[in-house]
Amino acid sequence: MLDGLRSQRLLALFAAGWLLLNLPLIALWDQPVRVGGVPLFPLALFVGWGALIAVAAWVAEGRVAEEDLASDDADGAD
């Protein structure tokens, strides 16, 4: 199931996201502070969520491109 490096990276990203969005850690951001007029809690929540999505896309798409190039090189050598 976890044959490739991509699968391991996505599993690690899932674990990091689970910890990031878990109640004890997310409660650290619940402070009466405003950043640019926006409360800190929703700002931290959406920035963390967006970062998780961006890293997941980077891991998923970046590795596919490298594997496609490697398979194209292998096919051209035959």
N, C-alpha and C. Protein backbone atom coordinates (compact mmCIF):
# COMPACT_ATOMS: atom_id res chain seq x y z
N MET A 1 0.82 -1.19 0.00
CA MET A 1 0.00 0.00 0.00
C MET A 1 0.86 1.26 0.00
N LEU A 2 1.89 1.28 0.82
CA LEU A 2 2.76 2.45 0.89
C LEU A 2 4.07 2.18 0.17
N ASP A 3 3.96 1.82 -1.10
CA ASP A 3 5.14 1.46 -1.86
C ASP A 3 5.99 2.67 -2.20
N GLY A 4 5.36 3.73 -2.65
CA GLY A 4 6.11 4.87 -3.15
C GLY A 4 6.36 5.94 -2.10
N LEU A 5 7.30 6.78 -2.43
CA LEU A 5 7.63 7.90 -1.57
C LEU A 5 6.47 8.90 -1.51
N ARG A 6 5.74 9.01 -2.61
CA ARG A 6 4.59 9.92 -2.64
C ARG A 6 3.53 9.51 -1.63
N SER A 7 3.25 8.22 -1.54
CA SER A 7 2.26 7.73 -0.58
C SER A 7 2.70 8.03 0.85
N GLN A 8 3.98 7.85 1.12
CA GLN A 8 4.49 8.13 2.46
C GLN A 8 4.41 9.61 2.79
N ARG A 9 4.70 10.45 1.81
CA ARG A 9 4.62 11.90 2.03
C ARG A 9 3.18 12.34 2.26
N LEU A 10 2.25 11.79 1.50
CA LEU A 10 0.84 12.15 1.69
C LEU A 10 0.32 11.66 3.03
N LEU A 11 0.77 10.50 3.47
CA LEU A 11 0.37 10.00 4.78
C LEU A 11 0.93 10.90 5.89
N ALA A 12 2.17 11.33 5.76
CA ALA A 12 2.76 12.25 6.73
C ALA A 12 2.03 13.59 6.72
N LEU A 13 1.62 14.04 5.54
CA LEU A 13 0.86 15.29 5.44
C LEU A 13 -0.50 15.15 6.10
N PHE A 14 -1.13 14.00 5.95
CA PHE A 14 -2.41 13.74 6.61
C PHE A 14 -2.24 13.82 8.13
N ALA A 15 -1.19 13.19 8.65
CA ALA A 15 -0.93 13.21 10.09
C ALA A 15 -0.66 14.64 10.58
N ALA A 16 0.11 15.40 9.80
CA ALA A 16 0.40 16.79 10.18
C ALA A 16 -0.88 17.63 10.16
N GLY A 17 -1.73 17.42 9.17
CA GLY A 17 -3.00 18.14 9.10
C GLY A 17 -3.93 17.78 10.23
N TRP A 18 -3.92 16.52 10.59
CA TRP A 18 -4.76 16.07 11.70
C TRP A 18 -4.31 16.75 12.99
N LEU A 19 -3.01 16.81 13.21
CA LEU A 19 -2.50 17.48 14.40
C LEU A 19 -2.76 18.98 14.35
N LEU A 20 -2.58 19.58 13.18
CA LEU A 20 -2.78 21.02 13.04
C LEU A 20 -4.22 21.43 13.31
N LEU A 21 -5.16 20.63 12.86
CA LEU A 21 -6.57 20.97 13.00
C LEU A 21 -7.23 20.30 14.20
N ASN A 22 -6.44 19.69 15.07
CA ASN A 22 -6.95 19.04 16.27
C ASN A 22 -7.18 20.09 17.36
N LEU A 23 -8.13 19.84 18.24
CA LEU A 23 -8.55 20.84 19.21
C LEU A 23 -7.43 21.37 20.13
N PRO A 24 -6.58 20.56 20.72
CA PRO A 24 -5.59 21.16 21.63
C PRO A 24 -4.66 22.15 20.93
N LEU A 25 -4.24 21.86 19.73
CA LEU A 25 -3.33 22.78 19.04
C LEU A 25 -4.06 23.97 18.43
N ILE A 26 -5.25 23.74 17.95
CA ILE A 26 -5.99 24.84 17.33
C ILE A 26 -6.47 25.83 18.39
N ALA A 27 -6.63 25.36 19.63
CA ALA A 27 -7.05 26.25 20.71
C ALA A 27 -5.96 27.27 21.06
N LEU A 28 -4.72 27.00 20.69
CA LEU A 28 -3.64 27.96 20.94
C LEU A 28 -3.85 29.26 20.19
N TRP A 29 -4.57 29.20 19.06
CA TRP A 29 -4.79 30.38 18.23
C TRP A 29 -6.00 31.19 18.67
N ASP A 30 -6.76 30.68 19.63
CA ASP A 30 -7.97 31.37 20.08
C ASP A 30 -7.61 32.44 21.11
N GLN A 31 -7.08 33.55 20.61
CA GLN A 31 -6.64 34.67 21.44
C GLN A 31 -7.38 35.93 20.99
N PRO A 32 -7.56 36.87 21.88
CA PRO A 32 -8.24 38.13 21.49
C PRO A 32 -7.28 39.08 20.76
N VAL A 33 -6.74 38.62 19.65
CA VAL A 33 -5.78 39.39 18.85
C VAL A 33 -6.34 39.53 17.44
N ARG A 34 -6.12 40.69 16.84
CA ARG A 34 -6.56 40.91 15.46
C ARG A 34 -5.34 41.21 14.60
N VAL A 35 -5.31 40.61 13.43
CA VAL A 35 -4.25 40.85 12.46
C VAL A 35 -4.90 41.47 11.23
N GLY A 36 -4.63 42.74 11.00
CA GLY A 36 -5.25 43.43 9.88
C GLY A 36 -6.76 43.53 10.02
N GLY A 37 -7.26 43.55 11.23
CA GLY A 37 -8.69 43.64 11.46
C GLY A 37 -9.40 42.31 11.47
N VAL A 38 -8.67 41.22 11.23
CA VAL A 38 -9.26 39.87 11.20
C VAL A 38 -8.85 39.16 12.50
N PRO A 39 -9.79 38.51 13.17
CA PRO A 39 -9.42 37.76 14.38
C PRO A 39 -8.40 36.67 14.06
N LEU A 40 -7.52 36.41 15.00
CA LEU A 40 -6.41 35.48 14.79
C LEU A 40 -6.88 34.05 14.53
N PHE A 41 -7.92 33.60 15.24
CA PHE A 41 -8.36 32.21 15.12
C PHE A 41 -8.80 31.84 13.70
N PRO A 42 -9.74 32.56 13.07
CA PRO A 42 -10.13 32.16 11.71
C PRO A 42 -8.99 32.37 10.70
N LEU A 43 -8.16 33.38 10.93
CA LEU A 43 -7.04 33.61 10.03
C LEU A 43 -6.07 32.43 10.08
N ALA A 44 -5.72 31.99 11.27
CA ALA A 44 -4.81 30.85 11.41
C ALA A 44 -5.43 29.58 10.85
N LEU A 45 -6.72 29.41 11.06
CA LEU A 45 -7.42 28.23 10.56
C LEU A 45 -7.37 28.16 9.03
N PHE A 46 -7.68 29.26 8.36
CA PHE A 46 -7.70 29.26 6.90
C PHE A 46 -6.30 29.25 6.30
N VAL A 47 -5.34 29.89 6.95
CA VAL A 47 -3.97 29.83 6.44
C VAL A 47 -3.41 28.42 6.56
N GLY A 48 -3.65 27.77 7.69
CA GLY A 48 -3.20 26.39 7.87
C GLY A 48 -3.86 25.43 6.89
N TRP A 49 -5.15 25.61 6.69
CA TRP A 49 -5.91 24.78 5.76
C TRP A 49 -5.40 24.98 4.32
N GLY A 50 -5.20 26.24 3.95
CA GLY A 50 -4.68 26.52 2.61
C GLY A 50 -3.28 25.97 2.41
N ALA A 51 -2.45 26.03 3.45
CA ALA A 51 -1.10 25.48 3.35
C ALA A 51 -1.15 23.96 3.18
N LEU A 52 -2.05 23.30 3.87
CA LEU A 52 -2.19 21.85 3.71
C LEU A 52 -2.61 21.49 2.28
N ILE A 53 -3.54 22.25 1.73
CA ILE A 53 -3.98 22.00 0.36
C ILE A 53 -2.85 22.25 -0.63
N ALA A 54 -2.11 23.33 -0.43
CA ALA A 54 -1.01 23.65 -1.34
C ALA A 54 0.09 22.59 -1.29
N VAL A 55 0.43 22.13 -0.11
CA VAL A 55 1.48 21.10 0.01
C VAL A 55 0.99 19.78 -0.56
N ALA A 56 -0.27 19.44 -0.35
CA ALA A 56 -0.81 18.20 -0.93
C ALA A 56 -0.78 18.25 -2.45
N ALA A 57 -1.12 19.38 -3.03
CA ALA A 57 -1.07 19.52 -4.49
C ALA A 57 0.37 19.45 -4.99
N TRP A 58 1.28 20.07 -4.26
CA TRP A 58 2.69 20.06 -4.65
C TRP A 58 3.25 18.64 -4.61
N VAL A 59 2.93 17.89 -3.55
CA VAL A 59 3.42 16.51 -3.43
C VAL A 59 2.80 15.64 -4.52
N ALA A 60 1.50 15.77 -4.72
CA ALA A 60 0.80 14.91 -5.68
C ALA A 60 1.23 15.21 -7.12
N GLU A 61 1.31 16.45 -7.49
CA GLU A 61 1.64 16.80 -8.87
C GLU A 61 3.13 16.76 -9.17
N GLY A 62 3.94 17.14 -8.23
CA GLY A 62 5.38 17.18 -8.46
C GLY A 62 5.96 15.81 -8.69
N ARG A 63 5.55 14.85 -7.93
CA ARG A 63 6.08 13.50 -8.06
C ARG A 63 5.57 12.84 -9.35
N VAL A 64 4.36 13.14 -9.77
CA VAL A 64 3.81 12.55 -10.99
C VAL A 64 4.63 13.00 -12.19
N ALA A 65 4.98 14.26 -12.23
CA ALA A 65 5.75 14.79 -13.36
C ALA A 65 7.11 14.11 -13.44
N GLU A 66 7.77 13.88 -12.30
CA GLU A 66 9.06 13.22 -12.31
C GLU A 66 8.93 11.77 -12.75
N GLU A 67 7.87 11.08 -12.30
CA GLU A 67 7.67 9.70 -12.70
C GLU A 67 7.35 9.60 -14.19
N ASP A 68 6.58 10.56 -14.73
CA ASP A 68 6.27 10.55 -16.14
C ASP A 68 7.53 10.77 -16.98
N LEU A 69 8.38 11.65 -16.54
CA LEU A 69 9.64 11.88 -17.27
C LEU A 69 10.52 10.64 -17.24
N ALA A 70 10.56 9.97 -16.11
CA ALA A 70 11.37 8.76 -16.00
C ALA A 70 10.81 7.66 -16.89
N SER A 71 9.49 7.52 -16.94
CA SER A 71 8.89 6.49 -17.79
C SER A 71 9.05 6.83 -19.27
N ASP A 72 9.00 8.12 -19.63
CA ASP A 72 9.23 8.51 -21.01
C ASP A 72 10.65 8.22 -21.44
N ASP A 73 11.61 8.46 -20.55
CA ASP A 73 13.01 8.16 -20.85
C ASP A 73 13.21 6.65 -21.03
N ALA A 74 12.54 5.86 -20.20
CA ALA A 74 12.67 4.42 -20.28
C ALA A 74 12.03 3.89 -21.56
N ASP A 75 10.90 4.47 -21.96
CA ASP A 75 10.23 4.04 -23.18
C ASP A 75 11.04 4.42 -24.40
N GLY A 76 11.70 5.56 -24.37
CA GLY A 76 12.49 5.99 -25.51
C GLY A 76 13.75 5.18 -25.69
N ALA A 77 14.23 4.53 -24.62
CA ALA A 77 15.46 3.75 -24.70
C ALA A 77 15.24 2.40 -25.37
N ASP A 78 14.00 1.93 -25.42
CA ASP A 78 13.73 0.61 -26.02
C ASP A 78 13.82 0.64 -27.51
